[in-house]
């Protein structure tokens, strides 16, 4: 889960997070995102070899 302050767009923080996770955990290549994921984040993830899967979270 990624939580940001109001002044930081999730997609900007997400690109940095993907870079860090790629460097620290090279075996991880799939992440679930919500439907509001921006195109540049999708493209950045693809360039890193990631698979982004859009999905919903079931709340209990």
Protein backbone atom coordinates (compact mmCIF):
# COMPACT_ATOMS: atom_id res chain seq x y z
CA UNK A 1 0.00 0.00 0.00
CA UNK A 2 1.21 3.48 -0.82
CA UNK A 3 -0.06 6.46 1.13
CA UNK A 4 0.89 9.97 0.03
CA UNK A 5 0.30 13.47 1.35
CA UNK A 6 -2.24 15.64 -0.47
CA UNK A 7 0.40 17.50 -2.51
CA UNK A 8 1.88 14.36 -4.11
CA UNK A 9 0.13 12.65 -7.01
CA UNK A 10 -0.13 8.89 -6.58
CA UNK A 11 1.22 8.22 -10.07
CA UNK A 12 4.37 10.29 -9.38
CA UNK A 13 4.99 8.50 -6.09
CA UNK A 14 4.16 5.21 -7.80
CA UNK A 15 6.90 5.58 -10.40
CA UNK A 16 9.44 6.17 -7.63
CA UNK A 17 8.09 3.23 -5.67
CA UNK A 18 8.33 0.92 -8.69
CA UNK A 19 11.94 2.02 -9.26
CA UNK A 20 12.82 1.30 -5.64
CA UNK A 21 11.05 -2.07 -5.52
CA UNK A 22 12.66 -3.08 -8.82
CA UNK A 23 16.11 -2.32 -7.40
CA UNK A 24 15.51 -3.92 -4.00
CA UNK A 25 13.38 -6.93 -5.04
CA UNK A 26 14.10 -7.83 -8.68
CA UNK A 27 11.93 -10.96 -8.53
CA UNK A 28 8.71 -9.03 -7.99
CA UNK A 29 7.08 -8.15 -11.30
CA UNK A 30 3.33 -7.87 -10.70
CA UNK A 31 1.36 -5.25 -8.82
CA UNK A 32 -2.34 -4.56 -8.43
CA UNK A 33 -3.54 -1.00 -9.04
CA UNK A 34 -6.88 0.74 -8.96
CA UNK A 35 -8.72 1.83 -12.10
CA UNK A 36 -7.45 5.41 -11.81
CA UNK A 37 -3.88 4.45 -12.67
CA UNK A 38 -2.41 6.99 -15.11
CA UNK A 39 -1.00 6.00 -18.49
CA UNK A 40 2.53 7.23 -17.79
CA UNK A 41 2.70 4.95 -14.74
CA UNK A 42 1.53 2.01 -16.86
CA UNK A 43 4.17 2.82 -19.48
CA UNK A 44 6.91 3.25 -16.85
CA UNK A 45 5.99 -0.09 -15.28
CA UNK A 46 6.06 -1.81 -18.67
CA UNK A 47 9.52 -0.37 -19.38
CA UNK A 48 10.70 -1.93 -16.10
CA UNK A 49 9.19 -5.30 -17.03
CA UNK A 50 6.25 -5.04 -14.61
CA UNK A 51 2.72 -6.30 -15.12
CA UNK A 52 0.09 -3.99 -13.66
CA UNK A 53 -3.22 -5.68 -12.90
CA UNK A 54 -6.26 -3.54 -12.28
CA UNK A 55 -8.47 -4.95 -9.59
CA UNK A 56 -10.76 -4.15 -6.76
CA UNK A 57 -10.26 -4.66 -3.06
CA UNK A 58 -12.96 -6.53 -1.25
CA UNK A 59 -13.71 -5.00 2.12
CA UNK A 60 -15.08 -7.03 4.99
